[in-house]
Amino acid sequence: MTEPSAPGTALTVRALTDADAPAMRALFAAIFNKDMSEALWNWKYARPQSAALGIWRGDELLAHYGGMGSDIWFKGAPATAMQICDVMVNPSVRQAVRKQSPFYQSTSAFLERYLGYGKPWLLGYGFPSDRHMDLAAHLKLYAPVGRMWELNWDLPVQPRVPFLLTTVVLHEGNFARYRATLDALAEQQRTALADRILVRKNAALVAWRYLNHPQESYTLILVRHRLTGKAVGLCVLKVEADRVLWMDALAPPANLPALAQVARAATWLLLRPRLSLWCSEPDVQRFGNVSDAQPMPITTPANIWTPGPAPEELKDRWWLLAGDSDYL
């Protein structure tokens, strides 16, 4: 990391532009000890639905607060939300819980500019650690409105796909053929979860998030009924070192146990001994029998800095899976 500039230099807050990408990526590498490619930065931020603010001292980026916007369903009505990501502060200027800190300045400025009633995005959400959440809550920036859980299926013997189910692996070559099917599944999911808050995962979003990701590879499995051809749902899987992570499920909730059977069978064929899934706490029981289920140290936050829907209105309303994150 570069040496901090002179302490007397005034701090400024401004939105990042494409020209600031190298500074952001350098801070990312210093904070997370891994590189962010130019392609990944573009995938996240070179799109009209995204935004980022920085705290600067001269030409030096001291703090970064980013977000990736989405269309959502908010209890059956269309709305917008911003997934918060890449919250970073240069260690040279980290301070304790004080309102002069770059973390406080970048977070409050971002919320004031982008989130709440009359702003570009109605809601904010994300996957902060409990430590990050506690800090933001202490500063009265966020309130907790949910918790993520991890479900695991151990696979001591080979699972079987039920005979009445058949599968198609989606890829760039055949994806266009199934766009209408995915859009129909998204509508079924929205209708069945009419009292919840969920990202609008139509075919276009599935393609952007999974087929067009610049560095991650995913397996997209469309499940259909063998006799009728009717779509049951879409599973999105990611192969990791010692498991398969079930990233996403596009289906009405009643079909999730059937998708779990397919995901387990696919995990075996992918030579991994365990299937894992992240989900919001109210949905732990929706996926059928599991080997174990544990709460994660990841809180679902809500913006309370600017006027918007009250935390009580959002409590346990989000439908979130691992694929709703930006980093998996």
Foldseek 3Di string as FASTA:
>chain_A
DDDDDDPVFDKDKDKDDLVCVVLLQVQVCVVVVDGDDPLLCCLADVDPQKTKMFIDRVPHTFWIKIWGKFWKQALNHIFIETEIDDTGGHPVQDDPLDCVGRSNVRLLVCCVAAEPPPHVHDWYKYWDFLVVVVSCVVVVFKDFQFFKKKFKAFDPDAFDQPPQKDKDWDAPVCLVVCQVLQLVLLVLQCVLLSRFMEGSDGSVNCCSLARVNPPFHWIKMWMAGNPPRRTAWIWIWGDDDAWIEGFDIRHHLQSQLSVLSVVRNVGVVVVHRMYMKMWIPVCPPSNDDTPDMGIDSITIIIGPSDHHDDSVSNRSRYTDINSVHSPD
